[in-house]
Amino acid sequence: DSAPVAERTYELTEFLVDVLGVTDVGAYYPHTVTYHPTCHGLR
């Protein structure tokens, strides 16, 4: 019975890109950053 909620669940970046259709969210962060793709997010 939890399937409907599971199907409507999104990780934040999925929601921003796939549902809202945005990549530029108006952020400003003047730093050098490296990104680690976590296992669950990646695989």
PDB file of all heavy atoms in Angstrom:
ATOM      1  N   ASP A   1       0.811  -1.223   0.000  1.00  0.00           N
ATOM      2  CA  ASP A   1       0.000   0.000   0.000  1.00  0.00           C
ATOM      3  C   ASP A   1       0.845   1.275   0.000  1.00  0.00           C
ATOM      4  O   ASP A   1       0.313   2.364  -0.225  1.00  0.00           O
ATOM      5  CB  ASP A   1      -0.916   0.025   1.226  1.00  0.00           C
ATOM      6  CG  ASP A   1      -2.032  -1.015   1.137  1.00  0.00           C
ATOM      7  OD1 ASP A   1      -2.222  -1.570   0.036  1.00  0.00           O
ATOM      8  OD2 ASP A   1      -2.686  -1.275   2.167  1.00  0.00           O
ATOM      9  N   SER A   2       2.153   1.141   0.231  1.00  0.00           N
ATOM     10  CA  SER A   2       3.023   2.319   0.259  1.00  0.00           C
ATOM     11  C   SER A   2       3.483   2.732  -1.133  1.00  0.00           C
ATOM     12  O   SER A   2       4.137   3.763  -1.295  1.00  0.00           O
ATOM     13  CB  SER A   2       4.254   2.060   1.133  1.00  0.00           C
ATOM     14  OG  SER A   2       5.121   1.115   0.515  1.00  0.00           O
ATOM     15  N   ALA A   3       3.150   1.940  -2.152  1.00  0.00           N
ATOM     16  CA  ALA A   3       3.636   2.186  -3.514  1.00  0.00           C
ATOM     17  C   ALA A   3       3.309   3.576  -4.050  1.00  0.00           C
ATOM     18  O   ALA A   3       4.175   4.228  -4.658  1.00  0.00           O
ATOM     19  CB  ALA A   3       3.110   1.113  -4.464  1.00  0.00           C
ATOM     20  N   PRO A   4       2.079   4.103  -3.866  1.00  0.00           N
ATOM     21  CA  PRO A   4       1.786   5.439  -4.402  1.00  0.00           C
ATOM     22  C   PRO A   4       2.712   6.525  -3.851  1.00  0.00           C
ATOM     23  O   PRO A   4       3.161   7.405  -4.601  1.00  0.00           O
ATOM     24  CB  PRO A   4       0.334   5.673  -3.984  1.00  0.00           C
ATOM     25  CG  PRO A   4      -0.250   4.299  -3.890  1.00  0.00           C
ATOM     26  CD  PRO A   4       0.862   3.461  -3.315  1.00  0.00           C
ATOM     27  N   VAL A   5       3.012   6.483  -2.564  1.00  0.00           N
ATOM     28  CA  VAL A   5       3.920   7.474  -1.978  1.00  0.00           C
ATOM     29  C   VAL A   5       5.336   7.253  -2.482  1.00  0.00           C
ATOM     30  O   VAL A   5       6.055   8.209  -2.800  1.00  0.00           O
ATOM     31  CB  VAL A   5       3.878   7.422  -0.432  1.00  0.00           C
ATOM     32  CG1 VAL A   5       4.995   8.273   0.168  1.00  0.00           C
ATOM     33  CG2 VAL A   5       2.530   7.898   0.074  1.00  0.00           C
ATOM     34  N   ALA A   6       5.745   5.998  -2.590  1.00  0.00           N
ATOM     35  CA  ALA A   6       7.083   5.689  -3.096  1.00  0.00           C
ATOM     36  C   ALA A   6       7.281   6.242  -4.498  1.00  0.00           C
ATOM     37  O   ALA A   6       8.340   6.790  -4.831  1.00  0.00           O
ATOM     38  CB  ALA A   6       7.318   4.184  -3.074  1.00  0.00           C
ATOM     39  N   GLU A   7       6.254   6.118  -5.321  1.00  0.00           N
ATOM     40  CA  GLU A   7       6.349   6.590  -6.708  1.00  0.00           C
ATOM     41  C   GLU A   7       6.419   8.105  -6.799  1.00  0.00           C
ATOM     42  O   GLU A   7       6.926   8.642  -7.787  1.00  0.00           O
ATOM     43  CB  GLU A   7       5.141   6.078  -7.499  1.00  0.00           C
ATOM     44  CG  GLU A   7       5.143   4.566  -7.692  1.00  0.00           C
ATOM     45  CD  GLU A   7       3.818   4.041  -8.207  1.00  0.00           C
ATOM     46  OE1 GLU A   7       2.888   4.870  -8.412  1.00  0.00           O
ATOM     47  OE2 GLU A   7       3.697   2.818  -8.394  1.00  0.00           O
ATOM     48  N   ARG A   8       5.932   8.794  -5.780  1.00  0.00           N
ATOM     49  CA  ARG A   8       5.946  10.267  -5.783  1.00  0.00           C
ATOM     50  C   ARG A   8       7.143  10.833  -5.022  1.00  0.00           C
ATOM     51  O   ARG A   8       7.208  12.039  -4.769  1.00  0.00           O
ATOM     52  CB  ARG A   8       4.649  10.808  -5.165  1.00  0.00           C
ATOM     53  CG  ARG A   8       3.392  10.403  -5.905  1.00  0.00           C
ATOM     54  CD  ARG A   8       2.192  11.231  -5.481  1.00  0.00           C
ATOM     55  NE  ARG A   8       1.862  11.109  -4.078  1.00  0.00           N
ATOM     56  CZ  ARG A   8       1.000  10.208  -3.585  1.00  0.00           C
ATOM     57  NH1 ARG A   8       0.419   9.344  -4.401  1.00  0.00           N
ATOM     58  NH2 ARG A   8       0.722  10.170  -2.294  1.00  0.00           N
ATOM     59  N   THR A   9       8.079   9.990  -4.665  1.00  0.00           N
ATOM     60  CA  THR A   9       9.232  10.409  -3.877  1.00  0.00           C
ATOM     61  C   THR A   9      10.418  10.737  -4.778  1.00  0.00           C
ATOM     62  O   THR A   9      10.767   9.953  -5.666  1.00  0.00           O
ATOM     63  CB  THR A   9       9.628   9.314  -2.875  1.00  0.00           C
ATOM     64  OG1 THR A   9       8.542   9.105  -1.960  1.00  0.00           O
ATOM     65  CG2 THR A   9      10.876   9.708  -2.096  1.00  0.00           C
ATOM     66  N   TYR A  10      11.023  11.894  -4.519  1.00  0.00           N
ATOM     67  CA  TYR A  10      12.157  12.354  -5.325  1.00  0.00           C
ATOM     68  C   TYR A  10      13.300  12.822  -4.436  1.00  0.00           C
ATOM     69  O   TYR A  10      13.074  13.536  -3.447  1.00  0.00           O
ATOM     70  CB  TYR A  10      11.748  13.533  -6.212  1.00  0.00           C
ATOM     71  CG  TYR A  10      10.850  13.173  -7.357  1.00  0.00           C
ATOM     72  CD1 TYR A  10       9.480  12.979  -7.155  1.00  0.00           C
ATOM     73  CD2 TYR A  10      11.352  13.015  -8.643  1.00  0.00           C
ATOM     74  CE1 TYR A  10       8.640  12.647  -8.205  1.00  0.00           C
ATOM     75  CE2 TYR A  10      10.521  12.678  -9.704  1.00  0.00           C
ATOM     76  CZ  TYR A  10       9.172  12.503  -9.483  1.00  0.00           C
ATOM     77  OH  TYR A  10       8.345  12.170 -10.519  1.00  0.00           O
ATOM     78  N   GLU A  11      14.495  12.434  -4.793  1.00  0.00           N
ATOM     79  CA  GLU A  11      15.689  13.069  -4.218  1.00  0.00           C
ATOM     80  C   GLU A  11      15.714  14.503  -4.734  1.00  0.00           C
ATOM     81  O   GLU A  11      15.220  14.796  -5.821  1.00  0.00           O
ATOM     82  CB  GLU A  11      16.926  12.277  -4.654  1.00  0.00           C
ATOM     83  CG  GLU A  11      18.239  12.775  -4.090  1.00  0.00           C
ATOM     84  CD  GLU A  11      18.840  13.853  -4.945  1.00  0.00           C
ATOM     85  OE1 GLU A  11      18.617  13.843  -6.181  1.00  0.00           O
ATOM     86  OE2 GLU A  11      19.520  14.732  -4.397  1.00  0.00           O
ATOM     87  N   LEU A  12      16.290  15.419  -3.968  1.00  0.00           N
ATOM     88  CA  LEU A  12      16.202  16.850  -4.266  1.00  0.00           C
ATOM     89  C   LEU A  12      16.618  17.205  -5.687  1.00  0.00           C
ATOM     90  O   LEU A  12      15.915  17.950  -6.380  1.00  0.00           O
ATOM     91  CB  LEU A  12      17.047  17.640  -3.263  1.00  0.00           C
ATOM     92  CG  LEU A  12      17.128  19.156  -3.506  1.00  0.00           C
ATOM     93  CD1 LEU A  12      15.750  19.800  -3.359  1.00  0.00           C
ATOM     94  CD2 LEU A  12      18.136  19.786  -2.551  1.00  0.00           C
ATOM     95  N   THR A  13      17.771  16.710  -6.158  1.00  0.00           N
ATOM     96  CA  THR A  13      18.230  17.110  -7.491  1.00  0.00           C
ATOM     97  C   THR A  13      17.310  16.565  -8.581  1.00  0.00           C
ATOM     98  O   THR A  13      17.115  17.203  -9.615  1.00  0.00           O
ATOM     99  CB  THR A  13      19.683  16.664  -7.754  1.00  0.00           C
ATOM    100  OG1 THR A  13      19.770  15.239  -7.798  1.00  0.00           O
ATOM    101  CG2 THR A  13      20.623  17.186  -6.672  1.00  0.00           C
ATOM    102  N   GLU A  14      16.719  15.391  -8.357  1.00  0.00           N
ATOM    103  CA  GLU A  14      15.734  14.855  -9.308  1.00  0.00           C
ATOM    104  C   GLU A  14      14.526  15.776  -9.386  1.00  0.00           C
ATOM    105  O   GLU A  14      14.018  16.065 -10.476  1.00  0.00           O
ATOM    106  CB  GLU A  14      15.247  13.483  -8.848  1.00  0.00           C
ATOM    107  CG  GLU A  14      16.232  12.356  -8.916  1.00  0.00           C
ATOM    108  CD  GLU A  14      15.597  11.077  -8.429  1.00  0.00           C
ATOM    109  OE1 GLU A  14      14.986  11.074  -7.340  1.00  0.00           O
ATOM    110  OE2 GLU A  14      15.708  10.065  -9.146  1.00  0.00           O
ATOM    111  N   PHE A  15      14.065  16.231  -8.240  1.00  0.00           N
ATOM    112  CA  PHE A  15      12.889  17.096  -8.203  1.00  0.00           C
ATOM    113  C   PHE A  15      13.159  18.411  -8.916  1.00  0.00           C
ATOM    114  O   PHE A  15      12.329  18.887  -9.699  1.00  0.00           O
ATOM    115  CB  PHE A  15      12.480  17.349  -6.749  1.00  0.00           C
ATOM    116  CG  PHE A  15      11.225  18.177  -6.616  1.00  0.00           C
ATOM    117  CD1 PHE A  15       9.986  17.625  -6.895  1.00  0.00           C
ATOM    118  CD2 PHE A  15      11.293  19.500  -6.212  1.00  0.00           C
ATOM    119  CE1 PHE A  15       8.828  18.386  -6.780  1.00  0.00           C
ATOM    120  CE2 PHE A  15      10.151  20.273  -6.094  1.00  0.00           C
ATOM    121  CZ  PHE A  15       8.901  19.715  -6.381  1.00  0.00           C
ATOM    122  N   LEU A  16      14.330  18.984  -8.663  1.00  0.00           N
ATOM    123  CA  LEU A  16      14.659  20.264  -9.287  1.00  0.00           C
ATOM    124  C   LEU A  16      14.749  20.134 -10.805  1.00  0.00           C
ATOM    125  O   LEU A  16      14.156  20.926 -11.548  1.00  0.00           O
ATOM    126  CB  LEU A  16      15.985  20.791  -8.738  1.00  0.00           C
ATOM    127  CG  LEU A  16      15.995  21.194  -7.263  1.00  0.00           C
ATOM    128  CD1 LEU A  16      17.421  21.494  -6.803  1.00  0.00           C
ATOM    129  CD2 LEU A  16      15.104  22.410  -7.023  1.00  0.00           C
ATOM    130  N   VAL A  17      15.491  19.134 -11.272  1.00  0.00           N
ATOM    131  CA  VAL A  17      15.745  18.999 -12.706  1.00  0.00           C
ATOM    132  C   VAL A  17      14.573  18.368 -13.447  1.00  0.00           C
ATOM    133  O   VAL A  17      14.154  18.850 -14.510  1.00  0.00           O
ATOM    134  CB  VAL A  17      17.036  18.185 -12.945  1.00  0.00           C
ATOM    135  CG1 VAL A  17      17.258  17.957 -14.435  1.00  0.00           C
ATOM    136  CG2 VAL A  17      18.241  18.906 -12.341  1.00  0.00           C
ATOM    137  N   ASP A  18      14.019  17.280 -12.908  1.00  0.00           N
ATOM    138  CA  ASP A  18      13.000  16.522 -13.635  1.00  0.00           C
ATOM    139  C   ASP A  18      11.583  17.066 -13.464  1.00  0.00           C
ATOM    140  O   ASP A  18      10.779  17.012 -14.399  1.00  0.00           O
ATOM    141  CB  ASP A  18      13.013  15.057 -13.203  1.00  0.00           C
ATOM    142  CG  ASP A  18      14.332  14.368 -13.507  1.00  0.00           C
ATOM    143  OD1 ASP A  18      15.170  14.972 -14.199  1.00  0.00           O
ATOM    144  OD2 ASP A  18      14.540  13.232 -13.021  1.00  0.00           O
ATOM    145  N   VAL A  19      11.257  17.555 -12.263  1.00  0.00           N
ATOM    146  CA  VAL A  19       9.893  18.029 -12.003  1.00  0.00           C
ATOM    147  C   VAL A  19       9.775  19.531 -12.248  1.00  0.00           C
ATOM    148  O   VAL A  19       8.903  19.981 -13.002  1.00  0.00           O
ATOM    149  CB  VAL A  19       9.445  17.681 -10.567  1.00  0.00           C
ATOM    150  CG1 VAL A  19       8.025  18.215 -10.315  1.00  0.00           C
ATOM    151  CG2 VAL A  19       9.477  16.175 -10.356  1.00  0.00           C
ATOM    152  N   LEU A  20      10.660  20.318 -11.622  1.00  0.00           N
ATOM    153  CA  LEU A  20      10.590  21.766 -11.812  1.00  0.00           C
ATOM    154  C   LEU A  20      11.233  22.217 -13.117  1.00  0.00           C
ATOM    155  O   LEU A  20      10.968  23.314 -13.598  1.00  0.00           O
ATOM    156  CB  LEU A  20      11.259  22.481 -10.631  1.00  0.00           C
ATOM    157  CG  LEU A  20      10.630  22.268  -9.250  1.00  0.00           C
ATOM    158  CD1 LEU A  20      11.316  23.161  -8.219  1.00  0.00           C
ATOM    159  CD2 LEU A  20       9.133  22.541  -9.271  1.00  0.00           C
ATOM    160  N   GLY A  21      12.110  21.385 -13.669  1.00  0.00           N
ATOM    161  CA  GLY A  21      12.748  21.730 -14.935  1.00  0.00           C
ATOM    162  C   GLY A  21      13.743  22.864 -14.836  1.00  0.00           C
ATOM    163  O   GLY A  21      13.885  23.657 -15.768  1.00  0.00           O
ATOM    164  N   VAL A  22      14.465  22.949 -13.707  1.00  0.00           N
ATOM    165  CA  VAL A  22      15.438  24.026 -13.537  1.00  0.00           C
ATOM    166  C   VAL A  22      16.821  23.455 -13.224  1.00  0.00           C
ATOM    167  O   VAL A  22      16.948  22.382 -12.639  1.00  0.00           O
ATOM    168  CB  VAL A  22      15.036  24.999 -12.398  1.00  0.00           C
ATOM    169  CG1 VAL A  22      13.702  25.657 -12.713  1.00  0.00           C
ATOM    170  CG2 VAL A  22      14.959  24.269 -11.054  1.00  0.00           C
ATOM    171  N   THR A  23      17.836  24.171 -13.644  1.00  0.00           N
ATOM    172  CA  THR A  23      19.210  23.879 -13.224  1.00  0.00           C
ATOM    173  C   THR A  23      19.830  25.109 -12.585  1.00  0.00           C
ATOM    174  O   THR A  23      20.644  24.992 -11.679  1.00  0.00           O
ATOM    175  CB  THR A  23      20.086  23.411 -14.399  1.00  0.00           C
ATOM    176  OG1 THR A  23      19.974  24.338 -15.475  1.00  0.00           O
ATOM    177  CG2 THR A  23      19.663  22.026 -14.867  1.00  0.00           C
ATOM    178  N   ASP A  24      19.430  26.295 -13.045  1.00  0.00           N
ATOM    179  CA  ASP A  24      19.887  27.537 -12.430  1.00  0.00           C
ATOM    180  C   ASP A  24      18.868  27.949 -11.379  1.00  0.00           C
ATOM    181  O   ASP A  24      17.760  28.386 -11.701  1.00  0.00           O
ATOM    182  CB  ASP A  24      20.028  28.634 -13.484  1.00  0.00           C
ATOM    183  CG  ASP A  24      20.648  29.920 -12.924  1.00  0.00           C
ATOM    184  OD1 ASP A  24      20.711  30.071 -11.680  1.00  0.00           O
ATOM    185  OD2 ASP A  24      21.076  30.768 -13.731  1.00  0.00           O
ATOM    186  N   VAL A  25      19.234  27.764 -10.105  1.00  0.00           N
ATOM    187  CA  VAL A  25      18.292  28.044  -9.016  1.00  0.00           C
ATOM    188  C   VAL A  25      18.569  29.387  -8.349  1.00  0.00           C
ATOM    189  O   VAL A  25      18.051  29.674  -7.272  1.00  0.00           O
ATOM    190  CB  VAL A  25      18.333  26.916  -7.959  1.00  0.00           C
ATOM    191  CG1 VAL A  25      17.912  25.594  -8.572  1.00  0.00           C
ATOM    192  CG2 VAL A  25      19.730  26.801  -7.332  1.00  0.00           C
ATOM    193  N   GLY A  26      19.419  30.200  -8.983  1.00  0.00           N
ATOM    194  CA  GLY A  26      19.707  31.523  -8.441  1.00  0.00           C
ATOM    195  C   GLY A  26      20.704  31.512  -7.307  1.00  0.00           C
ATOM    196  O   GLY A  26      20.727  32.435  -6.484  1.00  0.00           O
ATOM    197  N   ALA A  27      21.545  30.473  -7.253  1.00  0.00           N
ATOM    198  CA  ALA A  27      22.501  30.352  -6.141  1.00  0.00           C
ATOM    199  C   ALA A  27      23.792  31.108  -6.423  1.00  0.00           C
ATOM    200  O   ALA A  27      24.179  31.316  -7.581  1.00  0.00           O
ATOM    201  CB  ALA A  27      22.805  28.885  -5.877  1.00  0.00           C
ATOM    202  N   TYR A  28      24.458  31.481  -5.341  1.00  0.00           N
ATOM    203  CA  TYR A  28      25.768  32.151  -5.424  1.00  0.00           C
ATOM    204  C   TYR A  28      26.642  31.565  -4.328  1.00  0.00           C
ATOM    205  O   TYR A  28      26.325  31.633  -3.140  1.00  0.00           O
ATOM    206  CB  TYR A  28      25.597  33.654  -5.207  1.00  0.00           C
ATOM    207  CG  TYR A  28      26.907  34.413  -5.129  1.00  0.00           C
ATOM    208  CD1 TYR A  28      27.686  34.646  -6.263  1.00  0.00           C
ATOM    209  CD2 TYR A  28      27.367  34.909  -3.906  1.00  0.00           C
ATOM    210  CE1 TYR A  28      28.886  35.351  -6.189  1.00  0.00           C
ATOM    211  CE2 TYR A  28      28.567  35.611  -3.810  1.00  0.00           C
ATOM    212  CZ  TYR A  28      29.315  35.834  -4.961  1.00  0.00           C
ATOM    213  OH  TYR A  28      30.498  36.516  -4.878  1.00  0.00           O
ATOM    214  N   TYR A  29      27.769  30.962  -4.731  1.00  0.00           N
ATOM    215  CA  TYR A  29      28.661  30.303  -3.774  1.00  0.00           C
ATOM    216  C   TYR A  29      30.083  30.460  -4.299  1.00  0.00           C
ATOM    217  O   TYR A  29      30.563  29.627  -5.074  1.00  0.00           O
ATOM    218  CB  TYR A  29      28.276  28.828  -3.641  1.00  0.00           C
ATOM    219  CG  TYR A  29      28.891  28.116  -2.457  1.00  0.00           C
ATOM    220  CD1 TYR A  29      28.385  28.286  -1.177  1.00  0.00           C
ATOM    221  CD2 TYR A  29      29.979  27.252  -2.626  1.00  0.00           C
ATOM    222  CE1 TYR A  29      28.931  27.626  -0.084  1.00  0.00           C
ATOM    223  CE2 TYR A  29      30.535  26.586  -1.541  1.00  0.00           C
ATOM    224  CZ  TYR A  29      30.008  26.779  -0.273  1.00  0.00           C
ATOM    225  OH  TYR A  29      30.554  26.127   0.804  1.00  0.00           O
ATOM    226  N   PRO A  30      30.785  31.519  -3.910  1.00  0.00           N
ATOM    227  CA  PRO A  30      32.098  31.833  -4.483  1.00  0.00           C
ATOM    228  C   PRO A  30      33.241  31.009  -3.911  1.00  0.00           C
ATOM    229  O   PRO A  30      34.143  31.524  -3.236  1.00  0.00           O
ATOM    230  CB  PRO A  30      32.251  33.321  -4.146  1.00  0.00           C
ATOM    231  CG  PRO A  30      31.536  33.459  -2.832  1.00  0.00           C
ATOM    232  CD  PRO A  30      30.359  32.521  -2.921  1.00  0.00           C
ATOM    233  N   HIS A  31      33.200  29.705  -4.186  1.00  0.00           N
ATOM    234  CA  HIS A  31      34.220  28.799  -3.651  1.00  0.00           C
ATOM    235  C   HIS A  31      34.537  27.722  -4.682  1.00  0.00           C
ATOM    236  O   HIS A  31      33.760  27.453  -5.599  1.00  0.00           O
ATOM    237  CB  HIS A  31      33.745  28.149  -2.350  1.00  0.00           C
ATOM    238  CG  HIS A  31      33.407  29.134  -1.282  1.00  0.00           C
ATOM    239  ND1 HIS A  31      34.360  29.818  -0.560  1.00  0.00           N
ATOM    240  CD2 HIS A  31      32.197  29.566  -0.823  1.00  0.00           C
ATOM    241  CE1 HIS A  31      33.770  30.622   0.300  1.00  0.00           C
ATOM    242  NE2 HIS A  31      32.456  30.491   0.165  1.00  0.00           N
ATOM    243  N   THR A  32      35.685  27.082  -4.490  1.00  0.00           N
ATOM    244  CA  THR A  32      36.062  25.940  -5.316  1.00  0.00           C
ATOM    245  C   THR A  32      35.508  24.680  -4.654  1.00  0.00           C
ATOM    246  O   THR A  32      35.761  24.425  -3.471  1.00  0.00           O
ATOM    247  CB  THR A  32      37.591  25.835  -5.437  1.00  0.00           C
ATOM    248  OG1 THR A  32      38.097  27.055  -5.977  1.00  0.00           O
ATOM    249  CG2 THR A  32      37.983  24.685  -6.344  1.00  0.00           C
ATOM    250  N   VAL A  33      34.756  23.898  -5.411  1.00  0.00           N
ATOM    251  CA  VAL A  33      34.024  22.752  -4.862  1.00  0.00           C
ATOM    252  C   VAL A  33      34.308  21.500  -5.689  1.00  0.00           C
ATOM    253  O   VAL A  33      34.421  21.559  -6.916  1.00  0.00           O
ATOM    254  CB  VAL A  33      32.502  23.028  -4.870  1.00  0.00           C
ATOM    255  CG1 VAL A  33      31.725  21.814  -4.380  1.00  0.00           C
ATOM    256  CG2 VAL A  33      32.180  24.254  -4.019  1.00  0.00           C
ATOM    257  N   THR A  34      34.422  20.369  -4.997  1.00  0.00           N
ATOM    258  CA  THR A  34      34.476  19.086  -5.691  1.00  0.00           C
ATOM    259  C   THR A  34      33.265  18.264  -5.253  1.00  0.00           C
ATOM    260  O   THR A  34      32.782  18.397  -4.120  1.00  0.00           O
ATOM    261  CB  THR A  34      35.798  18.337  -5.403  1.00  0.00           C
ATOM    262  OG1 THR A  34      35.928  17.234  -6.311  1.00  0.00           O
ATOM    263  CG2 THR A  34      35.867  17.818  -3.967  1.00  0.00           C
ATOM    264  N   TYR A  35      32.769  17.428  -6.142  1.00  0.00           N
ATOM    265  CA  TYR A  35      31.533  16.688  -5.898  1.00  0.00           C
ATOM    266  C   TYR A  35      31.793  15.183  -5.837  1.00  0.00           C
ATOM    267  O   TYR A  35      32.416  14.610  -6.738  1.00  0.00           O
ATOM    268  CB  TYR A  35      30.518  16.984  -7.009  1.00  0.00           C
ATOM    269  CG  TYR A  35      29.321  16.074  -6.999  1.00  0.00           C
ATOM    270  CD1 TYR A  35      28.378  16.140  -5.978  1.00  0.00           C
ATOM    271  CD2 TYR A  35      29.127  15.127  -8.021  1.00  0.00           C
ATOM    272  CE1 TYR A  35      27.278  15.292  -5.961  1.00  0.00           C
ATOM    273  CE2 TYR A  35      28.030  14.282  -8.017  1.00  0.00           C
ATOM    274  CZ  TYR A  35      27.113  14.368  -6.981  1.00  0.00           C
ATOM    275  OH  TYR A  35      26.029  13.527  -6.957  1.00  0.00           O
ATOM    276  N   HIS A  36      31.312  14.553  -4.756  1.00  0.00           N
ATOM    277  CA  HIS A  36      31.394  13.099  -4.605  1.00  0.00           C
ATOM    278  C   HIS A  36      30.021  12.489  -4.852  1.00  0.00           C
ATOM    279  O   HIS A  36      29.080  12.737  -4.089  1.00  0.00           O
ATOM    280  CB  HIS A  36      31.864  12.729  -3.195  1.00  0.00           C
ATOM    281  CG  HIS A  36      31.664  11.273  -2.874  1.00  0.00           C
ATOM    282  ND1 HIS A  36      32.319  10.260  -3.546  1.00  0.00           N
ATOM    283  CD2 HIS A  36      30.851  10.659  -1.968  1.00  0.00           C
ATOM    284  CE1 HIS A  36      31.933   9.091  -3.063  1.00  0.00           C
ATOM    285  NE2 HIS A  36      31.042   9.306  -2.113  1.00  0.00           N
ATOM    286  N   PRO A  37      29.855  11.677  -5.915  1.00  0.00           N
ATOM    287  CA  PRO A  37      28.574  11.015  -6.169  1.00  0.00           C
ATOM    288  C   PRO A  37      28.418   9.806  -5.249  1.00  0.00           C
ATOM    289  O   PRO A  37      29.158   8.831  -5.359  1.00  0.00           O
ATOM    290  CB  PRO A  37      28.679  10.590  -7.641  1.00  0.00           C
ATOM    291  CG  PRO A  37      30.142  10.417  -7.874  1.00  0.00           C
ATOM    292  CD  PRO A  37      30.850  11.390  -6.970  1.00  0.00           C
ATOM    293  N   THR A  38      27.478   9.864  -4.333  1.00  0.00           N
ATOM    294  CA  THR A  38      27.309   8.778  -3.366  1.00  0.00           C
ATOM    295  C   THR A  38      26.787   7.519  -4.053  1.00  0.00           C
ATOM    296  O   THR A  38      26.186   7.564  -5.125  1.00  0.00           O
ATOM    297  CB  THR A  38      26.329   9.187  -2.253  1.00  0.00           C
ATOM    298  OG1 THR A  38      25.025   9.398  -2.824  1.00  0.00           O
ATOM    299  CG2 THR A  38      26.796  10.458  -1.570  1.00  0.00           C
ATOM    300  N   CYS A  39      27.005   6.380  -3.410  1.00  0.00           N
ATOM    301  CA  CYS A  39      26.668   5.092  -4.029  1.00  0.00           C
ATOM    302  C   CYS A  39      25.189   4.964  -4.375  1.00  0.00           C
ATOM    303  O   CYS A  39      24.837   4.525  -5.473  1.00  0.00           O
ATOM    304  CB  CYS A  39      27.083   3.952  -3.107  1.00  0.00           C
ATOM    305  SG  CYS A  39      28.878   3.743  -2.969  1.00  0.00           S
ATOM    306  N   HIS A  40      24.300   5.334  -3.456  1.00  0.00           N
ATOM    307  CA  HIS A  40      22.868   5.220  -3.745  1.00  0.00           C
ATOM    308  C   HIS A  40      22.452   6.175  -4.857  1.00  0.00           C
ATOM    309  O   HIS A  40      21.643   5.832  -5.720  1.00  0.00           O
ATOM    310  CB  HIS A  40      22.047   5.489  -2.486  1.00  0.00           C
ATOM    311  CG  HIS A  40      21.960   4.314  -1.563  1.00  0.00           C
ATOM    312  ND1 HIS A  40      22.832   4.140  -0.504  1.00  0.00           N
ATOM    313  CD2 HIS A  40      21.118   3.251  -1.539  1.00  0.00           C
ATOM    314  CE1 HIS A  40      22.526   3.023   0.134  1.00  0.00           C
ATOM    315  NE2 HIS A  40      21.501   2.466  -0.472  1.00  0.00           N
ATOM    316  N   GLY A  41      23.009   7.382  -4.825  1.00  0.00           N
ATOM    317  CA  GLY A  41      22.683   8.331  -5.881  1.00  0.00           C
ATOM    318  C   GLY A  41      23.198   7.874  -7.227  1.00  0.00           C
ATOM    319  O   GLY A  41      22.534   8.015  -8.262  1.00  0.00           O
ATOM    320  N   LEU A  42      24.376   7.303  -7.218  1.00  0.00           N
ATOM    321  CA  LEU A  42      25.035   6.886  -8.454  1.00  0.00           C
ATOM    322  C   LEU A  42      24.437   5.603  -9.016  1.00  0.00           C
ATOM    323  O   LEU A  42      24.104   5.525 -10.207  1.00  0.00           O
ATOM    324  CB  LEU A  42      26.529   6.694  -8.183  1.00  0.00           C
ATOM    325  CG  LEU A  42      27.426   6.335  -9.359  1.00  0.00           C
ATOM    326  CD1 LEU A  42      27.530   7.513 -10.313  1.00  0.00           C
ATOM    327  CD2 LEU A  42      28.816   5.930  -8.853  1.00  0.00           C
ATOM    328  N   ARG A  43      24.268   4.589  -8.154  1.00  0.00           N
ATOM    329  CA  ARG A  43      23.920   3.255  -8.633  1.00  0.00           C
ATOM    330  C   ARG A  43      22.442   2.892  -8.480  1.00  0.00           C
ATOM    331  O   ARG A  43      21.905   2.134  -9.298  1.00  0.00           O
ATOM    332  CB  ARG A  43      24.798   2.219  -7.924  1.00  0.00           C
ATOM    333  CG  ARG A  43      26.278   2.444  -8.194  1.00  0.00           C
ATOM    334  CD  ARG A  43      27.174   1.513  -7.393  1.00  0.00           C
ATOM    335  NE  ARG A  43      28.564   1.735  -7.737  1.00  0.00           N
ATOM    336  CZ  ARG A  43      29.348   2.638  -7.164  1.00  0.00           C
ATOM    337  NH1 ARG A  43      28.875   3.400  -6.205  1.00  0.00           N
ATOM    338  NH2 ARG A  43      30.609   2.781  -7.545  1.00  0.00           N
TER     339      ARG A  43
END
